[in-house]
Amino acid sequence: MSNSSAGAEEVVDVAFPVQGAKVPLDHGYALFSALSRIIPALHSMTSLGVHPIRGVKTERGHLTLRAGSSVTLRIRPTELGGLMSLIGKTLELDGNTITLLPPRIWPVRPVAALKAHIVTIKNHTERATFVDALRVQLAATPDLGQDPQSINVVVPEVKQGRRIMTIAGKKVVGFAVGLDGLTVTASLAVQRHGLGGRRHMGAGLFQPARG
């Protein structure tokens, strides 16, 4: 097991529980825009990732919020103080409003299997070329500390694996991605750096895969 990540900067997840009824299913762009209106400096935080809000699909195009729904940001611990102004703020997401409550904070932990709701890689909208491009990015991940060929990359072949997100009115194609067989060092590196682009809008962020 490699210890090459020992000196790498840590990241944490900061989860603001939300009060509200529902949000759009495709909300990444609207969410980052709403957050940036409160904290404009988010645009320059290169380490920032904004997780998709979790909920239940109960009607077309929307997620119904549940007790565990939150707006969760992945950042460096040194950037925590700058986020506290979000507490109590109300965000408007395409006609739906949510209010942010005081956050819970936890460090990113290594697990052997990770998943991302969507990963987008510019100019790779077909699964075959996307998988190849993803492996190239994985190999280039800083502090990976593991032979990328030893990592199992899972991109579903079925239609459900293809995902669409809307950014400034434009449709962007991505795919759901699973990674398995990760060492401690590689797991932390992937969660720290992500894969693909648009991390500010919910893409390329990895979390522990659930059974």
C-alpha atoms as a PDB file:
ATOM      1  CA  MET A   1       0.000   0.000   0.000  1.00  0.00           C
ATOM      2  CA  SER A   2       1.448   3.324  -1.075  1.00  0.00           C
ATOM      3  CA  ASN A   3       1.784   6.243   1.286  1.00  0.00           C
ATOM      4  CA  SER A   4       2.391   8.787  -1.462  1.00  0.00           C
ATOM      5  CA  SER A   5      -0.818  10.630  -0.562  1.00  0.00           C
ATOM      6  CA  ALA A   6       0.378  11.357   2.964  1.00  0.00           C
ATOM      7  CA  GLY A   7       1.538  14.836   1.981  1.00  0.00           C
ATOM      8  CA  ALA A   8      -1.392  15.583  -0.334  1.00  0.00           C
ATOM      9  CA  GLU A   9      -3.918  18.172   0.750  1.00  0.00           C
ATOM     10  CA  GLU A  10      -7.074  16.706   2.259  1.00  0.00           C
ATOM     11  CA  VAL A  11     -10.623  17.480   1.251  1.00  0.00           C
ATOM     12  CA  VAL A  12     -13.824  17.362   3.262  1.00  0.00           C
ATOM     13  CA  ASP A  13     -17.511  17.206   2.427  1.00  0.00           C
ATOM     14  CA  VAL A  14     -19.632  20.000   3.904  1.00  0.00           C
ATOM     15  CA  ALA A  15     -23.326  19.068   3.851  1.00  0.00           C
ATOM     16  CA  PHE A  16     -25.949  21.772   4.417  1.00  0.00           C
ATOM     17  CA  PRO A  17     -29.304  20.076   5.161  1.00  0.00           C
ATOM     18  CA  VAL A  18     -32.072  21.695   3.138  1.00  0.00           C
ATOM     19  CA  GLN A  19     -35.601  22.808   3.855  1.00  0.00           C
ATOM     20  CA  GLY A  20     -37.832  22.712   0.825  1.00  0.00           C
ATOM     21  CA  ALA A  21     -40.187  20.555  -1.199  1.00  0.00           C
ATOM     22  CA  LYS A  22     -38.468  19.738  -4.480  1.00  0.00           C
ATOM     23  CA  VAL A  23     -35.699  20.695  -6.904  1.00  0.00           C
ATOM     24  CA  PRO A  24     -35.246  20.128 -10.638  1.00  0.00           C
ATOM     25  CA  LEU A  25     -33.774  16.749 -11.513  1.00  0.00           C
ATOM     26  CA  ASP A  26     -31.166  18.517 -13.673  1.00  0.00           C
ATOM     27  CA  HIS A  27     -30.092  21.186 -11.186  1.00  0.00           C
ATOM     28  CA  GLY A  28     -26.278  21.343 -11.293  1.00  0.00           C
ATOM     29  CA  TYR A  29     -25.997  24.609 -13.231  1.00  0.00           C
ATOM     30  CA  ALA A  30     -28.812  26.313 -11.310  1.00  0.00           C
ATOM     31  CA  LEU A  31     -27.357  25.227  -7.966  1.00  0.00           C
ATOM     32  CA  PHE A  32     -23.854  26.522  -8.675  1.00  0.00           C
ATOM     33  CA  SER A  33     -25.283  29.770 -10.038  1.00  0.00           C
ATOM     34  CA  ALA A  34     -27.362  30.270  -6.869  1.00  0.00           C
ATOM     35  CA  LEU A  35     -24.404  29.509  -4.586  1.00  0.00           C
ATOM     36  CA  SER A  36     -22.149  31.852  -6.551  1.00  0.00           C
ATOM     37  CA  ARG A  37     -24.585  34.719  -6.188  1.00  0.00           C
ATOM     38  CA  ILE A  38     -24.052  34.466  -2.428  1.00  0.00           C
ATOM     39  CA  ILE A  39     -20.307  33.699  -2.532  1.00  0.00           C
ATOM     40  CA  PRO A  40     -18.823  34.962  -5.837  1.00  0.00           C
ATOM     41  CA  ALA A  41     -15.396  33.607  -4.797  1.00  0.00           C
ATOM     42  CA  LEU A  42     -16.644  30.071  -5.482  1.00  0.00           C
ATOM     43  CA  HIS A  43     -15.825  30.649  -9.153  1.00  0.00           C
ATOM     44  CA  SER A  44     -12.109  30.796  -8.359  1.00  0.00           C
ATOM     45  CA  MET A  45     -12.015  27.790  -5.982  1.00  0.00           C
ATOM     46  CA  THR A  46     -10.399  25.215  -8.251  1.00  0.00           C
ATOM     47  CA  SER A  47     -10.694  22.470  -5.623  1.00  0.00           C
ATOM     48  CA  LEU A  48     -14.452  22.957  -5.224  1.00  0.00           C
ATOM     49  CA  GLY A  49     -16.926  20.250  -6.084  1.00  0.00           C
ATOM     50  CA  VAL A  50     -20.706  20.584  -5.673  1.00  0.00           C
ATOM     51  CA  HIS A  51     -22.473  17.262  -5.271  1.00  0.00           C
ATOM     52  CA  PRO A  52     -25.874  16.658  -6.851  1.00  0.00           C
ATOM     53  CA  ILE A  53     -28.718  16.981  -4.348  1.00  0.00           C
ATOM     54  CA  ARG A  54     -30.233  13.623  -3.508  1.00  0.00           C
ATOM     55  CA  GLY A  55     -33.962  13.073  -3.413  1.00  0.00           C
ATOM     56  CA  VAL A  56     -36.751  10.857  -4.710  1.00  0.00           C
ATOM     57  CA  LYS A  57     -38.010  10.970  -8.294  1.00  0.00           C
ATOM     58  CA  THR A  58     -41.728  11.392  -7.748  1.00  0.00           C
ATOM     59  CA  GLU A  59     -42.681  13.519 -10.737  1.00  0.00           C
ATOM     60  CA  ARG A  60     -41.307  14.167 -14.187  1.00  0.00           C
ATOM     61  CA  GLY A  61     -38.252  16.402 -14.141  1.00  0.00           C
ATOM     62  CA  HIS A  62     -38.102  16.908 -10.379  1.00  0.00           C
ATOM     63  CA  LEU A  63     -36.712  15.387  -7.190  1.00  0.00           C
ATOM     64  CA  THR A  64     -38.762  15.449  -4.005  1.00  0.00           C
ATOM     65  CA  LEU A  65     -36.541  16.307  -1.064  1.00  0.00           C
ATOM     66  CA  ARG A  66     -36.297  13.957   1.904  1.00  0.00           C
ATOM     67  CA  ALA A  67     -34.933  14.117   5.449  1.00  0.00           C
ATOM     68  CA  GLY A  68     -31.355  13.417   4.331  1.00  0.00           C
ATOM     69  CA  SER A  69     -31.301  15.813   1.369  1.00  0.00           C
ATOM     70  CA  SER A  70     -28.491  18.344   1.464  1.00  0.00           C
ATOM     71  CA  VAL A  71     -26.397  20.754  -0.563  1.00  0.00           C
ATOM     72  CA  THR A  72     -22.945  19.208  -0.210  1.00  0.00           C
ATOM     73  CA  LEU A  73     -19.688  20.880  -1.184  1.00  0.00           C
ATOM     74  CA  ARG A  74     -16.293  19.180  -1.384  1.00  0.00           C
ATOM     75  CA  ILE A  75     -13.515  21.589  -0.408  1.00  0.00           C
ATOM     76  CA  ARG A  76     -10.184  21.925   1.367  1.00  0.00           C
ATOM     77  CA  PRO A  77     -10.500  22.301   5.161  1.00  0.00           C
ATOM     78  CA  THR A  78      -8.795  25.708   4.913  1.00  0.00           C
ATOM     79  CA  GLU A  79     -11.748  26.961   2.848  1.00  0.00           C
ATOM     80  CA  LEU A  80     -14.416  26.062   5.415  1.00  0.00           C
ATOM     81  CA  GLY A  81     -14.743  29.521   6.929  1.00  0.00           C
ATOM     82  CA  GLY A  82     -15.742  31.050   3.627  1.00  0.00           C
ATOM     83  CA  LEU A  83     -18.824  28.827   3.372  1.00  0.00           C
ATOM     84  CA  MET A  84     -20.460  29.685   6.678  1.00  0.00           C
ATOM     85  CA  SER A  85     -22.277  32.647   5.146  1.00  0.00           C
ATOM     86  CA  LEU A  86     -24.483  30.085   3.363  1.00  0.00           C
ATOM     87  CA  ILE A  87     -26.223  29.140   6.619  1.00  0.00           C
ATOM     88  CA  GLY A  88     -29.826  30.313   6.585  1.00  0.00           C
ATOM     89  CA  LYS A  89     -29.722  31.441   2.961  1.00  0.00           C
ATOM     90  CA  THR A  90     -32.511  30.605   0.537  1.00  0.00           C
ATOM     91  CA  LEU A  91     -31.566  29.437  -2.959  1.00  0.00           C
ATOM     92  CA  GLU A  92     -33.814  29.596  -6.011  1.00  0.00           C
ATOM     93  CA  LEU A  93     -33.354  26.748  -8.478  1.00  0.00           C
ATOM     94  CA  ASP A  94     -35.448  27.266 -11.596  1.00  0.00           C
ATOM     95  CA  GLY A  95     -38.532  28.293  -9.634  1.00  0.00           C
ATOM     96  CA  ASN A  96     -37.974  25.985  -6.644  1.00  0.00           C
ATOM     97  CA  THR A  97     -36.634  27.356  -3.355  1.00  0.00           C
ATOM     98  CA  ILE A  98     -34.563  25.642  -0.675  1.00  0.00           C
ATOM     99  CA  THR A  99     -33.111  27.000   2.574  1.00  0.00           C
ATOM    100  CA  LEU A 100     -29.723  25.870   3.886  1.00  0.00           C
ATOM    101  CA  LEU A 101     -29.348  24.798   7.528  1.00  0.00           C
ATOM    102  CA  PRO A 102     -26.098  24.557   9.586  1.00  0.00           C
ATOM    103  CA  PRO A 103     -23.806  21.976   7.986  1.00  0.00           C
ATOM    104  CA  ARG A 104     -22.336  18.637   8.930  1.00  0.00           C
ATOM    105  CA  ILE A 105     -18.688  18.146   8.005  1.00  0.00           C
ATOM    106  CA  TRP A 106     -16.775  14.920   7.473  1.00  0.00           C
ATOM    107  CA  PRO A 107     -13.442  13.980   5.887  1.00  0.00           C
ATOM    108  CA  VAL A 108     -13.294  12.000   2.671  1.00  0.00           C
ATOM    109  CA  ARG A 109     -12.459   8.385   3.522  1.00  0.00           C
ATOM    110  CA  PRO A 110     -10.859   5.722   1.336  1.00  0.00           C
ATOM    111  CA  VAL A 111     -12.987   2.831   0.073  1.00  0.00           C
ATOM    112  CA  ALA A 112     -12.188   0.275  -2.619  1.00  0.00           C
ATOM    113  CA  ALA A 113     -15.298   1.001  -4.710  1.00  0.00           C
ATOM    114  CA  LEU A 114     -16.415   4.468  -5.796  1.00  0.00           C
ATOM    115  CA  LYS A 115     -19.146   5.786  -8.063  1.00  0.00           C
ATOM    116  CA  ALA A 116     -19.995   9.056  -9.795  1.00  0.00           C
ATOM    117  CA  HIS A 117     -23.512  10.030 -10.853  1.00  0.00           C
ATOM    118  CA  ILE A 118     -22.108  11.631 -13.999  1.00  0.00           C
ATOM    119  CA  VAL A 119     -18.673  12.197 -15.533  1.00  0.00           C
ATOM    120  CA  THR A 120     -18.268  14.442 -18.576  1.00  0.00           C
ATOM    121  CA  ILE A 121     -15.207  14.531 -20.848  1.00  0.00           C
ATOM    122  CA  LYS A 122     -15.118  17.067 -23.662  1.00  0.00           C
ATOM    123  CA  ASN A 123     -15.593  15.587 -27.156  1.00  0.00           C
ATOM    124  CA  HIS A 124     -16.379  12.103 -25.805  1.00  0.00           C
ATOM    125  CA  THR A 125     -20.127  11.534 -26.002  1.00  0.00           C
ATOM    126  CA  GLU A 126     -20.051   7.891 -27.098  1.00  0.00           C
ATOM    127  CA  ARG A 127     -19.366   5.167 -24.560  1.00  0.00           C
ATOM    128  CA  ALA A 128     -16.477   3.504 -26.426  1.00  0.00           C
ATOM    129  CA  THR A 129     -14.312   6.615 -26.736  1.00  0.00           C
ATOM    130  CA  PHE A 130     -15.457   7.863 -23.337  1.00  0.00           C
ATOM    131  CA  VAL A 131     -14.086   4.785 -21.556  1.00  0.00           C
ATOM    132  CA  ASP A 132     -10.711   5.183 -23.275  1.00  0.00           C
ATOM    133  CA  ALA A 133     -10.572   8.885 -22.376  1.00  0.00           C
ATOM    134  CA  LEU A 134     -11.556   8.106 -18.809  1.00  0.00           C
ATOM    135  CA  ARG A 135      -8.669   5.652 -18.455  1.00  0.00           C
ATOM    136  CA  VAL A 136      -6.276   8.316 -19.753  1.00  0.00           C
ATOM    137  CA  GLN A 137      -7.536  10.765 -17.138  1.00  0.00           C
ATOM    138  CA  LEU A 138      -7.317   8.137 -14.423  1.00  0.00           C
ATOM    139  CA  ALA A 139      -3.684   7.453 -15.302  1.00  0.00           C
ATOM    140  CA  ALA A 140      -2.954  11.201 -15.112  1.00  0.00           C
ATOM    141  CA  THR A 141      -4.573  11.669 -11.688  1.00  0.00           C
ATOM    142  CA  PRO A 142      -2.033  13.201  -9.265  1.00  0.00           C
ATOM    143  CA  ASP A 143      -0.991  10.994  -6.327  1.00  0.00           C
ATOM    144  CA  LEU A 144      -2.830   7.962  -7.737  1.00  0.00           C
ATOM    145  CA  GLY A 145      -0.109   5.596  -6.517  1.00  0.00           C
ATOM    146  CA  GLN A 146      -1.620   2.597  -8.300  1.00  0.00           C
ATOM    147  CA  ASP A 147      -1.304   1.008 -11.723  1.00  0.00           C
ATOM    148  CA  PRO A 148      -4.455   2.337 -13.439  1.00  0.00           C
ATOM    149  CA  GLN A 149      -4.773  -0.938 -15.361  1.00  0.00           C
ATOM    150  CA  SER A 150      -5.444  -2.673 -12.043  1.00  0.00           C
ATOM    151  CA  ILE A 151      -8.540  -0.510 -11.464  1.00  0.00           C
ATOM    152  CA  ASN A 152     -11.851  -1.883 -12.704  1.00  0.00           C
ATOM    153  CA  VAL A 153     -13.723   0.824 -14.641  1.00  0.00           C
ATOM    154  CA  VAL A 154     -17.473   0.266 -14.952  1.00  0.00           C
ATOM    155  CA  VAL A 155     -19.505   2.360 -17.393  1.00  0.00           C
ATOM    156  CA  PRO A 156     -22.928   0.793 -17.984  1.00  0.00           C
ATOM    157  CA  GLU A 157     -23.642  -0.180 -21.581  1.00  0.00           C
ATOM    158  CA  VAL A 158     -27.379   0.156 -21.102  1.00  0.00           C
ATOM    159  CA  LYS A 159     -29.142   3.441 -21.888  1.00  0.00           C
ATOM    160  CA  GLN A 160     -29.452   4.296 -18.173  1.00  0.00           C
ATOM    161  CA  GLY A 161     -25.683   4.779 -18.004  1.00  0.00           C
ATOM    162  CA  ARG A 162     -25.848   7.767 -20.367  1.00  0.00           C
ATOM    163  CA  ARG A 163     -26.602  11.017 -18.556  1.00  0.00           C
ATOM    164  CA  ILE A 164     -27.478  14.513 -19.762  1.00  0.00           C
ATOM    165  CA  MET A 165     -26.894  17.752 -17.913  1.00  0.00           C
ATOM    166  CA  THR A 166     -27.899  21.244 -19.070  1.00  0.00           C
ATOM    167  CA  ILE A 167     -25.400  24.085 -18.750  1.00  0.00           C
ATOM    168  CA  ALA A 168     -26.428  27.587 -19.827  1.00  0.00           C
ATOM    169  CA  GLY A 169     -29.091  26.077 -22.055  1.00  0.00           C
ATOM    170  CA  LYS A 170     -26.764  23.573 -23.742  1.00  0.00           C
ATOM    171  CA  LYS A 171     -27.051  19.807 -23.363  1.00  0.00           C
ATOM    172  CA  VAL A 172     -23.884  18.070 -22.154  1.00  0.00           C
ATOM    173  CA  VAL A 173     -23.514  14.279 -22.433  1.00  0.00           C
ATOM    174  CA  GLY A 174     -21.876  12.224 -19.710  1.00  0.00           C
ATOM    175  CA  PHE A 175     -21.957   8.755 -18.206  1.00  0.00           C
ATOM    176  CA  ALA A 176     -22.371   7.129 -14.818  1.00  0.00           C
ATOM    177  CA  VAL A 177     -19.024   5.689 -13.717  1.00  0.00           C
ATOM    178  CA  GLY A 178     -17.975   3.090 -11.161  1.00  0.00           C
ATOM    179  CA  LEU A 179     -14.415   2.326 -10.052  1.00  0.00           C
ATOM    180  CA  ASP A 180     -13.456  -0.794  -8.119  1.00  0.00           C
ATOM    181  CA  GLY A 181     -10.245  -2.341  -6.823  1.00  0.00           C
ATOM    182  CA  LEU A 182      -8.849   0.970  -5.591  1.00  0.00           C
ATOM    183  CA  THR A 183      -6.050   1.131  -3.053  1.00  0.00           C
ATOM    184  CA  VAL A 184      -6.299   3.564  -0.140  1.00  0.00           C
ATOM    185  CA  THR A 185      -4.044   6.035  -1.941  1.00  0.00           C
ATOM    186  CA  ALA A 186      -5.894   5.809  -5.256  1.00  0.00           C
ATOM    187  CA  SER A 187      -9.316   6.095  -3.631  1.00  0.00           C
ATOM    188  CA  LEU A 188      -8.332   9.305  -1.858  1.00  0.00           C
ATOM    189  CA  ALA A 189      -6.719  10.722  -5.006  1.00  0.00           C
ATOM    190  CA  VAL A 190      -9.807  10.125  -7.161  1.00  0.00           C
ATOM    191  CA  GLN A 191     -12.080  11.680  -4.551  1.00  0.00           C
ATOM    192  CA  ARG A 192      -9.729  14.633  -4.142  1.00  0.00           C
ATOM    193  CA  HIS A 193      -9.257  15.435  -7.824  1.00  0.00           C
ATOM    194  CA  GLY A 194     -12.291  13.906  -9.544  1.00  0.00           C
ATOM    195  CA  LEU A 195     -12.388  12.918 -13.205  1.00  0.00           C
ATOM    196  CA  GLY A 196     -13.582  14.929 -16.184  1.00  0.00           C
ATOM    197  CA  GLY A 197     -14.870  18.481 -16.000  1.00  0.00           C
ATOM    198  CA  ARG A 198     -17.692  20.541 -14.510  1.00  0.00           C
ATOM    199  CA  ARG A 199     -17.076  19.608 -10.871  1.00  0.00           C
ATOM    200  CA  HIS A 200     -18.697  22.891  -9.821  1.00  0.00           C
ATOM    201  CA  MET A 201     -21.933  21.629 -11.335  1.00  0.00           C
ATOM    202  CA  GLY A 202     -22.016  18.096  -9.968  1.00  0.00           C
ATOM    203  CA  ALA A 203     -20.007  16.128 -12.537  1.00  0.00           C
ATOM    204  CA  GLY A 204     -16.888  14.047 -11.908  1.00  0.00           C
ATOM    205  CA  LEU A 205     -17.346  13.730  -8.153  1.00  0.00           C
ATOM    206  CA  PHE A 206     -16.905  10.290  -6.636  1.00  0.00           C
ATOM    207  CA  GLN A 207     -18.484   8.863  -3.504  1.00  0.00           C
ATOM    208  CA  PRO A 208     -18.419   5.421  -1.869  1.00  0.00           C
ATOM    209  CA  ALA A 209     -20.447   2.936  -3.886  1.00  0.00           C
ATOM    210  CA  ARG A 210     -23.283   1.427  -1.927  1.00  0.00           C
ATOM    211  CA  GLY A 211     -24.041  -2.258  -1.971  1.00  0.00           C
END
